[in-house]
């Protein structure tokens, strides 16, 4: 399986989900990140609203908000609800897509 028009290789670090630990105010506290996994082809593209669109190999499914992606130089945190896109005829072009934020953000 592959991401069409991949622009690099990316690794994913996942958090344990759901976040079961609560702070003193009853707000869920994110679990620690796991280790980064295998580097796989993908693409990360800046959007006009300063968010980033991530497309990854479907082997990275499932992704959740709070998981992190790196290309070895920059790091992004998944902020939106990831989706797995399945092609109705050819599973070789399936991919995972999500909205992410650059961490730390770029300063204009």
PDB file of N, CA and C in Angstrom:
ATOM      1  N   UNK A   1       0.844  -1.172   0.000  1.00  0.00           N
ATOM      2  CA  UNK A   1       0.000   0.000   0.000  1.00  0.00           C
ATOM      3  C   UNK A   1       0.889   1.235   0.000  1.00  0.00           C
ATOM      4  N   UNK A   2       0.375   2.321  -0.566  1.00  0.00           N
ATOM      5  CA  UNK A   2       1.223   3.501  -0.705  1.00  0.00           C
ATOM      6  C   UNK A   2       0.392   4.768  -0.651  1.00  0.00           C
ATOM      7  N   UNK A   3       1.067   5.849  -0.309  1.00  0.00           N
ATOM      8  CA  UNK A   3       0.461   7.169  -0.359  1.00  0.00           C
ATOM      9  C   UNK A   3       0.848   7.768  -1.701  1.00  0.00           C
ATOM     10  N   UNK A   4      -0.142   8.171  -2.493  1.00  0.00           N
ATOM     11  CA  UNK A   4       0.134   8.782  -3.782  1.00  0.00           C
ATOM     12  C   UNK A   4       0.808  10.132  -3.550  1.00  0.00           C
ATOM     13  N   UNK A   5       1.852  10.426  -4.309  1.00  0.00           N
ATOM     14  CA  UNK A   5       2.606  11.677  -4.210  1.00  0.00           C
ATOM     15  C   UNK A   5       3.201  11.893  -2.824  1.00  0.00           C
ATOM     16  N   UNK A   6       3.786  10.845  -2.280  1.00  0.00           N
ATOM     17  CA  UNK A   6       4.460  10.962  -0.983  1.00  0.00           C
ATOM     18  C   UNK A   6       5.609  11.952  -1.105  1.00  0.00           C
ATOM     19  N   UNK A   7       5.858  12.713  -0.031  1.00  0.00           N
ATOM     20  CA  UNK A   7       6.953  13.692  -0.055  1.00  0.00           C
ATOM     21  C   UNK A   7       8.055  13.359   0.941  1.00  0.00           C
ATOM     22  N   UNK A   8       7.962  12.203   1.605  1.00  0.00           N
ATOM     23  CA  UNK A   8       8.990  11.820   2.558  1.00  0.00           C
ATOM     24  C   UNK A   8       8.583  10.589   3.338  1.00  0.00           C
ATOM     25  N   UNK A   9       9.396  10.273   4.342  1.00  0.00           N
ATOM     26  CA  UNK A   9       9.057   9.166   5.232  1.00  0.00           C
ATOM     27  C   UNK A   9       8.785   9.725   6.621  1.00  0.00           C
ATOM     28  N   UNK A  10       7.818   9.145   7.274  1.00  0.00           N
ATOM     29  CA  UNK A  10       7.341   9.649   8.563  1.00  0.00           C
ATOM     30  C   UNK A  10       7.208   8.497   9.535  1.00  0.00           C
ATOM     31  N   UNK A  11       7.414   8.816  10.812  1.00  0.00           N
ATOM     32  CA  UNK A  11       7.241   7.857  11.889  1.00  0.00           C
ATOM     33  C   UNK A  11       6.146   8.358  12.819  1.00  0.00           C
ATOM     34  N   UNK A  12       5.409   7.429  13.410  1.00  0.00           N
ATOM     35  CA  UNK A  12       4.303   7.770  14.297  1.00  0.00           C
ATOM     36  C   UNK A  12       4.613   7.291  15.708  1.00  0.00           C
ATOM     37  N   UNK A  13       4.347   8.154  16.686  1.00  0.00           N
ATOM     38  CA  UNK A  13       4.391   7.783  18.108  1.00  0.00           C
ATOM     39  C   UNK A  13       2.971   7.911  18.638  1.00  0.00           C
ATOM     40  N   UNK A  14       2.480   6.861  19.245  1.00  0.00           N
ATOM     41  CA  UNK A  14       1.092   6.841  19.716  1.00  0.00           C
ATOM     42  C   UNK A  14       1.019   7.013  21.221  1.00  0.00           C
ATOM     43  N   UNK A  15      -0.098   7.576  21.650  1.00  0.00           N
ATOM     44  CA  UNK A  15      -0.418   7.655  23.071  1.00  0.00           C
ATOM     45  C   UNK A  15      -1.433   6.556  23.379  1.00  0.00           C
ATOM     46  N   UNK A  16      -1.445   6.098  24.615  1.00  0.00           N
ATOM     47  CA  UNK A  16      -2.481   5.153  25.025  1.00  0.00           C
ATOM     48  C   UNK A  16      -3.814   5.898  24.998  1.00  0.00           C
ATOM     49  N   UNK A  17      -4.841   5.297  24.408  1.00  0.00           N
ATOM     50  CA  UNK A  17      -6.153   5.913  24.319  1.00  0.00           C
ATOM     51  C   UNK A  17      -7.179   4.943  24.882  1.00  0.00           C
ATOM     52  N   UNK A  18      -8.236   5.360  25.481  1.00  0.00           N
ATOM     53  CA  UNK A  18      -8.523   6.756  25.835  1.00  0.00           C
ATOM     54  C   UNK A  18      -7.676   7.209  27.009  1.00  0.00           C
ATOM     55  N   UNK A  19      -7.580   8.506  27.182  1.00  0.00           N
ATOM     56  CA  UNK A  19      -6.799   9.063  28.282  1.00  0.00           C
ATOM     57  C   UNK A  19      -7.573   8.821  29.574  1.00  0.00           C
ATOM     58  N   UNK A  20      -7.118   7.872  30.349  1.00  0.00           N
ATOM     59  CA  UNK A  20      -7.856   7.453  31.539  1.00  0.00           C
ATOM     60  C   UNK A  20      -7.517   8.261  32.780  1.00  0.00           C
ATOM     61  N   UNK A  21      -6.353   8.910  32.804  1.00  0.00           N
ATOM     62  CA  UNK A  21      -5.937   9.654  33.988  1.00  0.00           C
ATOM     63  C   UNK A  21      -6.609  11.027  34.004  1.00  0.00           C
ATOM     64  N   UNK A  22      -7.138  11.413  35.146  1.00  0.00           N
ATOM     65  CA  UNK A  22      -7.775  12.722  35.297  1.00  0.00           C
ATOM     66  C   UNK A  22      -6.955  13.571  36.268  1.00  0.00           C
ATOM     67  N   UNK A  23      -6.935  14.892  36.018  1.00  0.00           N
ATOM     68  CA  UNK A  23      -6.254  15.776  36.967  1.00  0.00           C
ATOM     69  C   UNK A  23      -7.221  16.156  38.088  1.00  0.00           C
ATOM     70  N   UNK A  24      -6.800  17.057  38.969  1.00  0.00           N
ATOM     71  CA  UNK A  24      -7.628  17.440  40.122  1.00  0.00           C
ATOM     72  C   UNK A  24      -8.922  18.137  39.727  1.00  0.00           C
ATOM     73  N   UNK A  25      -9.005  18.606  38.467  1.00  0.00           N
ATOM     74  CA  UNK A  25     -10.191  19.315  37.997  1.00  0.00           C
ATOM     75  C   UNK A  25     -11.079  18.437  37.121  1.00  0.00           C
ATOM     76  N   UNK A  26     -10.730  17.162  37.026  1.00  0.00           N
ATOM     77  CA  UNK A  26     -11.541  16.237  36.232  1.00  0.00           C
ATOM     78  C   UNK A  26     -11.264  16.292  34.746  1.00  0.00           C
ATOM     79  N   UNK A  27     -10.150  16.890  34.347  1.00  0.00           N
ATOM     80  CA  UNK A  27      -9.799  16.983  32.938  1.00  0.00           C
ATOM     81  C   UNK A  27      -8.848  15.838  32.590  1.00  0.00           C
ATOM     82  N   UNK A  28      -9.127  15.166  31.460  1.00  0.00           N
ATOM     83  CA  UNK A  28      -8.292  14.039  31.046  1.00  0.00           C
ATOM     84  C   UNK A  28      -6.866  14.502  30.768  1.00  0.00           C
ATOM     85  N   UNK A  29      -5.912  13.748  31.260  1.00  0.00           N
ATOM     86  CA  UNK A  29      -4.489  14.043  31.076  1.00  0.00           C
ATOM     87  C   UNK A  29      -3.944  13.074  30.038  1.00  0.00           C
ATOM     88  N   UNK A  30      -3.253  13.584  29.009  1.00  0.00           N
ATOM     89  CA  UNK A  30      -2.727  12.684  27.972  1.00  0.00           C
ATOM     90  C   UNK A  30      -1.728  11.683  28.551  1.00  0.00           C
ATOM     91  N   UNK A  31      -1.790  10.476  28.031  1.00  0.00           N
ATOM     92  CA  UNK A  31      -0.810   9.453  28.403  1.00  0.00           C
ATOM     93  C   UNK A  31       0.525   9.785  27.743  1.00  0.00           C
ATOM     94  N   UNK A  32       1.592   9.202  28.231  1.00  0.00           N
ATOM     95  CA  UNK A  32       2.914   9.423  27.640  1.00  0.00           C
ATOM     96  C   UNK A  32       2.954   8.852  26.225  1.00  0.00           C
ATOM     97  N   UNK A  33       3.777   9.465  25.389  1.00  0.00           N
ATOM     98  CA  UNK A  33       3.959   8.959  24.030  1.00  0.00           C
ATOM     99  C   UNK A  33       4.763   7.674  24.060  1.00  0.00           C
ATOM    100  N   UNK A  34       4.410   6.757  23.175  1.00  0.00           N
ATOM    101  CA  UNK A  34       5.214   5.560  22.990  1.00  0.00           C
ATOM    102  C   UNK A  34       6.401   5.881  22.088  1.00  0.00           C
ATOM    103  N   UNK A  35       7.178   4.890  21.768  1.00  0.00           N
ATOM    104  CA  UNK A  35       8.330   5.075  20.881  1.00  0.00           C
ATOM    105  C   UNK A  35       7.854   5.279  19.443  1.00  0.00           C
ATOM    106  N   UNK A  36       8.667   5.987  18.667  1.00  0.00           N
ATOM    107  CA  UNK A  36       8.351   6.154  17.244  1.00  0.00           C
ATOM    108  C   UNK A  36       8.515   4.823  16.537  1.00  0.00           C
ATOM    109  N   UNK A  37       7.598   4.548  15.630  1.00  0.00           N
ATOM    110  CA  UNK A  37       7.601   3.281  14.900  1.00  0.00           C
ATOM    111  C   UNK A  37       8.420   3.334  13.618  1.00  0.00           C
ATOM    112  N   UNK A  38       8.140   2.411  12.739  1.00  0.00           N
ATOM    113  CA  UNK A  38       8.822   2.275  11.462  1.00  0.00           C
ATOM    114  C   UNK A  38       8.547   3.468  10.566  1.00  0.00           C
ATOM    115  N   UNK A  39       9.581   3.942   9.869  1.00  0.00           N
ATOM    116  CA  UNK A  39       9.407   5.042   8.906  1.00  0.00           C
ATOM    117  C   UNK A  39       8.691   4.510   7.670  1.00  0.00           C
ATOM    118  N   UNK A  40       7.611   5.204   7.289  1.00  0.00           N
ATOM    119  CA  UNK A  40       6.833   4.816   6.115  1.00  0.00           C
ATOM    120  C   UNK A  40       6.556   6.047   5.262  1.00  0.00           C
ATOM    121  N   UNK A  41       6.285   5.825   3.991  1.00  0.00           N
ATOM    122  CA  UNK A  41       6.004   6.919   3.062  1.00  0.00           C
ATOM    123  C   UNK A  41       4.744   7.666   3.467  1.00  0.00           C
ATOM    124  N   UNK A  42       4.769   8.967   3.233  1.00  0.00           N
ATOM    125  CA  UNK A  42       3.610   9.797   3.533  1.00  0.00           C
ATOM    126  C   UNK A  42       3.806  11.192   2.987  1.00  0.00           C
ATOM    127  N   UNK A  43       2.897  12.070   3.335  1.00  0.00           N
ATOM    128  CA  UNK A  43       2.975  13.460   2.895  1.00  0.00           C
ATOM    129  C   UNK A  43       2.365  14.349   3.971  1.00  0.00           C
ATOM    130  N   UNK A  44       2.995  15.494   4.188  1.00  0.00           N
ATOM    131  CA  UNK A  44       2.479  16.491   5.122  1.00  0.00           C
ATOM    132  C   UNK A  44       2.485  17.821   4.380  1.00  0.00           C
ATOM    133  N   UNK A  45       1.327  18.486   4.343  1.00  0.00           N
ATOM    134  CA  UNK A  45       1.173  19.704   3.562  1.00  0.00           C
ATOM    135  C   UNK A  45       0.587  20.817   4.415  1.00  0.00           C
ATOM    136  N   UNK A  46       1.210  21.993   4.351  1.00  0.00           N
ATOM    137  CA  UNK A  46       0.696  23.166   5.066  1.00  0.00           C
ATOM    138  C   UNK A  46      -0.606  23.621   4.418  1.00  0.00           C
ATOM    139  N   UNK A  47      -1.572  24.044   5.240  1.00  0.00           N
ATOM    140  CA  UNK A  47      -2.862  24.531   4.760  1.00  0.00           C
ATOM    141  C   UNK A  47      -2.959  26.044   4.973  1.00  0.00           C
ATOM    142  N   UNK A  48      -3.876  26.689   4.299  1.00  0.00           N
ATOM    143  CA  UNK A  48      -4.039  28.141   4.390  1.00  0.00           C
ATOM    144  C   UNK A  48      -4.386  28.604   5.801  1.00  0.00           C
ATOM    145  N   UNK A  49      -5.057  27.770   6.583  1.00  0.00           N
ATOM    146  CA  UNK A  49      -5.458  28.162   7.943  1.00  0.00           C
ATOM    147  C   UNK A  49      -4.370  27.876   8.986  1.00  0.00           C
ATOM    148  N   UNK A  50      -3.148  27.587   8.540  1.00  0.00           N
ATOM    149  CA  UNK A  50      -1.962  27.302   9.363  1.00  0.00           C
ATOM    150  C   UNK A  50      -1.988  25.909   9.987  1.00  0.00           C
ATOM    151  N   UNK A  51      -2.982  25.097   9.645  1.00  0.00           N
ATOM    152  CA  UNK A  51      -2.958  23.699  10.067  1.00  0.00           C
ATOM    153  C   UNK A  51      -2.158  22.918   9.026  1.00  0.00           C
ATOM    154  N   UNK A  52      -2.009  21.647   9.252  1.00  0.00           N
ATOM    155  CA  UNK A  52      -1.278  20.779   8.330  1.00  0.00           C
ATOM    156  C   UNK A  52      -2.147  19.579   7.993  1.00  0.00           C
ATOM    157  N   UNK A  53      -2.103  19.144   6.738  1.00  0.00           N
ATOM    158  CA  UNK A  53      -2.832  17.956   6.296  1.00  0.00           C
ATOM    159  C   UNK A  53      -1.814  16.828   6.199  1.00  0.00           C
ATOM    160  N   UNK A  54      -2.087  15.735   6.899  1.00  0.00           N
ATOM    161  CA  UNK A  54      -1.201  14.581   6.950  1.00  0.00           C
ATOM    162  C   UNK A  54      -1.835  13.445   6.163  1.00  0.00           C
ATOM    163  N   UNK A  55      -1.050  12.791   5.325  1.00  0.00           N
ATOM    164  CA  UNK A  55      -1.482  11.567   4.629  1.00  0.00           C
ATOM    165  C   UNK A  55      -0.423  10.504   4.874  1.00  0.00           C
ATOM    166  N   UNK A  56      -0.842   9.379   5.427  1.00  0.00           N
ATOM    167  CA  UNK A  56       0.100   8.331   5.809  1.00  0.00           C
ATOM    168  C   UNK A  56      -0.319   6.975   5.268  1.00  0.00           C
ATOM    169  N   UNK A  57       0.641   6.074   5.249  1.00  0.00           N
ATOM    170  CA  UNK A  57       0.410   4.692   4.856  1.00  0.00           C
ATOM    171  C   UNK A  57      -0.687   4.103   5.759  1.00  0.00           C
ATOM    172  N   UNK A  58      -1.606   3.325   5.209  1.00  0.00           N
ATOM    173  CA  UNK A  58      -2.679   2.755   6.028  1.00  0.00           C
ATOM    174  C   UNK A  58      -2.179   1.794   7.105  1.00  0.00           C
ATOM    175  N   UNK A  59      -0.937   1.370   7.035  1.00  0.00           N
ATOM    176  CA  UNK A  59      -0.376   0.529   8.103  1.00  0.00           C
ATOM    177  C   UNK A  59      -0.291   1.310   9.413  1.00  0.00           C
ATOM    178  N   UNK A  60      -0.383   2.634   9.348  1.00  0.00           N
ATOM    179  CA  UNK A  60      -0.350   3.466  10.559  1.00  0.00           C
ATOM    180  C   UNK A  60      -1.710   3.560  11.245  1.00  0.00           C
ATOM    181  N   UNK A  61      -2.743   2.980  10.652  1.00  0.00           N
ATOM    182  CA  UNK A  61      -4.072   3.004  11.251  1.00  0.00           C
ATOM    183  C   UNK A  61      -4.114   2.060  12.440  1.00  0.00           C
ATOM    184  N   UNK A  62      -4.744   2.363  13.537  1.00  0.00           N
ATOM    185  CA  UNK A  62      -5.506   3.580  13.801  1.00  0.00           C
ATOM    186  C   UNK A  62      -4.626   4.695  14.390  1.00  0.00           C
ATOM    187  N   UNK A  63      -4.966   5.920  14.042  1.00  0.00           N
ATOM    188  CA  UNK A  63      -4.364   7.117  14.636  1.00  0.00           C
ATOM    189  C   UNK A  63      -5.427   7.783  15.488  1.00  0.00           C
ATOM    190  N   UNK A  64      -4.995   8.538  16.466  1.00  0.00           N
ATOM    191  CA  UNK A  64      -5.914   9.270  17.339  1.00  0.00           C
ATOM    192  C   UNK A  64      -5.378  10.679  17.554  1.00  0.00           C
ATOM    193  N   UNK A  65      -6.262  11.608  17.897  1.00  0.00           N
ATOM    194  CA  UNK A  65      -5.824  12.951  18.264  1.00  0.00           C
ATOM    195  C   UNK A  65      -4.844  12.836  19.422  1.00  0.00           C
ATOM    196  N   UNK A  66      -3.743  13.576  19.342  1.00  0.00           N
ATOM    197  CA  UNK A  66      -2.708  13.528  20.364  1.00  0.00           C
ATOM    198  C   UNK A  66      -1.509  12.690  19.968  1.00  0.00           C
ATOM    199  N   UNK A  67      -1.669  11.806  18.976  1.00  0.00           N
ATOM    200  CA  UNK A  67      -0.525  11.043  18.478  1.00  0.00           C
ATOM    201  C   UNK A  67       0.408  12.003  17.739  1.00  0.00           C
ATOM    202  N   UNK A  68       1.682  11.637  17.614  1.00  0.00           N
ATOM    203  CA  UNK A  68       2.671  12.517  16.973  1.00  0.00           C
ATOM    204  C   UNK A  68       3.292  11.853  15.760  1.00  0.00           C
ATOM    205  N   UNK A  69       3.697  12.710  14.815  1.00  0.00           N
ATOM    206  CA  UNK A  69       4.338  12.277  13.578  1.00  0.00           C
ATOM    207  C   UNK A  69       5.624  13.071  13.434  1.00  0.00           C
ATOM    208  N   UNK A  70       6.689  12.417  12.964  1.00  0.00           N
ATOM    209  CA  UNK A  70       7.935  13.139  12.716  1.00  0.00           C
ATOM    210  C   UNK A  70       8.550  12.681  11.405  1.00  0.00           C
ATOM    211  N   UNK A  71       9.285  13.608  10.787  1.00  0.00           N
ATOM    212  CA  UNK A  71      10.085  13.266   9.612  1.00  0.00           C
ATOM    213  C   UNK A  71      11.567  13.260   9.984  1.00  0.00           C
ATOM    214  N   UNK A  72      11.855  13.387  11.273  1.00  0.00           N
ATOM    215  CA  UNK A  72      13.218  13.429  11.758  1.00  0.00           C
ATOM    216  C   UNK A  72      13.712  14.850  11.999  1.00  0.00           C
ATOM    217  N   UNK A  73      13.035  15.824  11.396  1.00  0.00           N
ATOM    218  CA  UNK A  73      13.393  17.231  11.582  1.00  0.00           C
ATOM    219  C   UNK A  73      12.270  18.012  12.254  1.00  0.00           C
ATOM    220  N   UNK A  74      11.051  17.785  11.782  1.00  0.00           N
ATOM    221  CA  UNK A  74       9.888  18.468  12.347  1.00  0.00           C
ATOM    222  C   UNK A  74       8.946  17.445  12.957  1.00  0.00           C
ATOM    223  N   UNK A  75       8.094  17.929  13.857  1.00  0.00           N
ATOM    224  CA  UNK A  75       7.130  17.063  14.538  1.00  0.00           C
ATOM    225  C   UNK A  75       5.751  17.700  14.459  1.00  0.00           C
ATOM    226  N   UNK A  76       4.731  16.884  14.213  1.00  0.00           N
ATOM    227  CA  UNK A  76       3.346  17.327  14.166  1.00  0.00           C
ATOM    228  C   UNK A  76       2.534  16.514  15.168  1.00  0.00           C
ATOM    229  N   UNK A  77       1.525  17.152  15.768  1.00  0.00           N
ATOM    230  CA  UNK A  77       0.592  16.468  16.662  1.00  0.00           C
ATOM    231  C   UNK A  77      -0.766  16.403  15.984  1.00  0.00           C
ATOM    232  N   UNK A  78      -1.354  15.229  15.937  1.00  0.00           N
ATOM    233  CA  UNK A  78      -2.680  15.051  15.329  1.00  0.00           C
ATOM    234  C   UNK A  78      -3.694  15.825  16.164  1.00  0.00           C
ATOM    235  N   UNK A  79      -4.467  16.694  15.508  1.00  0.00           N
ATOM    236  CA  UNK A  79      -5.466  17.501  16.208  1.00  0.00           C
ATOM    237  C   UNK A  79      -6.883  17.158  15.798  1.00  0.00           C
ATOM    238  N   UNK A  80      -7.063  16.688  14.602  1.00  0.00           N
ATOM    239  CA  UNK A  80      -8.405  16.378  14.124  1.00  0.00           C
ATOM    240  C   UNK A  80      -8.723  14.905  14.281  1.00  0.00           C
ATOM    241  N   UNK A  81      -9.859  14.527  13.764  1.00  0.00           N
ATOM    242  CA  UNK A  81     -10.297  13.133  13.792  1.00  0.00           C
ATOM    243  C   UNK A  81      -9.728  12.421  12.560  1.00  0.00           C
ATOM    244  N   UNK A  82      -8.751  11.537  12.728  1.00  0.00           N
ATOM    245  CA  UNK A  82      -8.170  10.836  11.578  1.00  0.00           C
ATOM    246  C   UNK A  82      -9.202   9.965  10.875  1.00  0.00           C
ATOM    247  N   UNK A  83      -9.001   9.815   9.570  1.00  0.00           N
ATOM    248  CA  UNK A  83      -9.888   8.970   8.766  1.00  0.00           C
ATOM    249  C   UNK A  83      -9.046   8.044   7.898  1.00  0.00           C
ATOM    250  N   UNK A  84      -9.528   6.835   7.711  1.00  0.00           N
ATOM    251  CA  UNK A  84      -8.882   5.911   6.779  1.00  0.00           C
ATOM    252  C   UNK A  84      -9.672   5.970   5.485  1.00  0.00           C
ATOM    253  N   UNK A  85      -8.996   6.316   4.419  1.00  0.00           N
ATOM    254  CA  UNK A  85      -9.627   6.427   3.103  1.00  0.00           C
ATOM    255  C   UNK A  85      -9.364   5.134   2.339  1.00  0.00           C
ATOM    256  N   UNK A  86     -10.444   4.468   1.974  1.00  0.00           N
ATOM    257  CA  UNK A  86     -10.330   3.200   1.251  1.00  0.00           C
ATOM    258  C   UNK A  86     -10.810   3.385  -0.182  1.00  0.00           C
ATOM    259  N   UNK A  87      -9.972   2.985  -1.123  1.00  0.00           N
ATOM    260  CA  UNK A  87     -10.348   3.041  -2.533  1.00  0.00           C
ATOM    261  C   UNK A  87     -11.273   1.868  -2.830  1.00  0.00           C
ATOM    262  N   UNK A  88     -12.393   2.098  -3.538  1.00  0.00           N
ATOM    263  CA  UNK A  88     -13.359   1.024  -3.741  1.00  0.00           C
ATOM    264  C   UNK A  88     -12.873  -0.110  -4.643  1.00  0.00           C
ATOM    265  N   UNK A  89     -11.834   0.132  -5.455  1.00  0.00           N
ATOM    266  CA  UNK A  89     -11.384  -0.887  -6.398  1.00  0.00           C
ATOM    267  C   UNK A  89      -9.987  -1.409  -6.065  1.00  0.00           C
ATOM    268  N   UNK A  90      -9.077  -0.508  -5.694  1.00  0.00           N
ATOM    269  CA  UNK A  90      -7.677  -0.890  -5.523  1.00  0.00           C
ATOM    270  C   UNK A  90      -7.156  -0.480  -4.151  1.00  0.00           C
ATOM    271  N   UNK A  91      -6.928  -1.441  -3.269  1.00  0.00           N
ATOM    272  CA  UNK A  91      -6.463  -1.113  -1.921  1.00  0.00           C
ATOM    273  C   UNK A  91      -5.008  -0.641  -1.885  1.00  0.00           C
ATOM    274  N   UNK A  92      -4.318  -0.657  -3.017  1.00  0.00           N
ATOM    275  CA  UNK A  92      -2.948  -0.156  -3.077  1.00  0.00           C
ATOM    276  C   UNK A  92      -2.887   1.369  -2.934  1.00  0.00           C
ATOM    277  N   UNK A  93      -4.015   2.050  -3.080  1.00  0.00           N
ATOM    278  CA  UNK A  93      -4.022   3.516  -2.956  1.00  0.00           C
ATOM    279  C   UNK A  93      -4.784   3.984  -1.713  1.00  0.00           C
ATOM    280  N   UNK A  94      -5.030   3.084  -0.771  1.00  0.00           N
ATOM    281  CA  UNK A  94      -5.625   3.485   0.507  1.00  0.00           C
ATOM    282  C   UNK A  94      -4.636   4.351   1.275  1.00  0.00           C
ATOM    283  N   UNK A  95      -5.137   5.214   2.146  1.00  0.00           N
ATOM    284  CA  UNK A  95      -4.266   6.028   2.993  1.00  0.00           C
ATOM    285  C   UNK A  95      -5.038   6.503   4.210  1.00  0.00           C
ATOM    286  N   UNK A  96      -4.300   7.039   5.188  1.00  0.00           N
ATOM    287  CA  UNK A  96      -4.873   7.616   6.394  1.00  0.00           C
ATOM    288  C   UNK A  96      -4.666   9.113   6.310  1.00  0.00           C
ATOM    289  N   UNK A  97      -5.679   9.905   6.625  1.00  0.00           N
ATOM    290  CA  UNK A  97      -5.560  11.349   6.578  1.00  0.00           C
ATOM    291  C   UNK A  97      -6.015  11.959   7.899  1.00  0.00           C
ATOM    292  N   UNK A  98      -5.392  13.092   8.239  1.00  0.00           N
ATOM    293  CA  UNK A  98      -5.747  13.787   9.476  1.00  0.00           C
ATOM    294  C   UNK A  98      -5.245  15.224   9.404  1.00  0.00           C
ATOM    295  N   UNK A  99      -5.793  16.045  10.277  1.00  0.00           N
ATOM    296  CA  UNK A  99      -5.311  17.409  10.466  1.00  0.00           C
ATOM    297  C   UNK A  99      -4.321  17.381  11.616  1.00  0.00           C
ATOM    298  N   UNK A 100      -3.263  18.179  11.508  1.00  0.00           N
ATOM    299  CA  UNK A 100      -2.234  18.191  12.545  1.00  0.00           C
ATOM    300  C   UNK A 100      -1.747  19.620  12.772  1.00  0.00           C
ATOM    301  N   UNK A 101      -1.022  19.802  13.875  1.00  0.00           N
ATOM    302  CA  UNK A 101      -0.394  21.083  14.191  1.00  0.00           C
ATOM    303  C   UNK A 101       1.106  20.854  14.319  1.00  0.00           C
ATOM    304  N   UNK A 102       1.883  21.755  13.724  1.00  0.00           N
ATOM    305  CA  UNK A 102       3.337  21.688  13.842  1.00  0.00           C
ATOM    306  C   UNK A 102       3.721  21.976  15.294  1.00  0.00           C
ATOM    307  N   UNK A 103       4.645  21.182  15.829  1.00  0.00           N
ATOM    308  CA  UNK A 103       5.014  21.316  17.237  1.00  0.00           C
ATOM    309  C   UNK A 103       6.536  21.372  17.361  1.00  0.00           C
ATOM    310  N   UNK A 104       7.147  22.498  17.657  1.00  0.00           N
ATOM    311  CA  UNK A 104       6.522  23.782  17.979  1.00  0.00           C
ATOM    312  C   UNK A 104       6.071  24.487  16.700  1.00  0.00           C
ATOM    313  N   UNK A 105       5.107  25.404  16.818  1.00  0.00           N
ATOM    314  CA  UNK A 105       4.594  26.088  15.631  1.00  0.00           C
ATOM    315  C   UNK A 105       5.641  27.024  15.027  1.00  0.00           C
ATOM    316  N   UNK A 106       5.495  27.271  13.721  1.00  0.00           N
ATOM    317  CA  UNK A 106       6.366  28.221  13.047  1.00  0.00           C
ATOM    318  C   UNK A 106       5.968  29.629  13.456  1.00  0.00           C
ATOM    319  N   UNK A 107       6.938  30.488  13.601  1.00  0.00           N
ATOM    320  CA  UNK A 107       6.667  31.880  13.942  1.00  0.00           C
ATOM    321  C   UNK A 107       6.802  32.705  12.670  1.00  0.00           C
ATOM    322  N   UNK A 108       5.740  33.440  12.294  1.00  0.00           N
ATOM    323  CA  UNK A 108       5.804  34.213  11.034  1.00  0.00           C
ATOM    324  C   UNK A 108       6.791  35.353  11.106  1.00  0.00           C
TER     325      UNK A 108
END
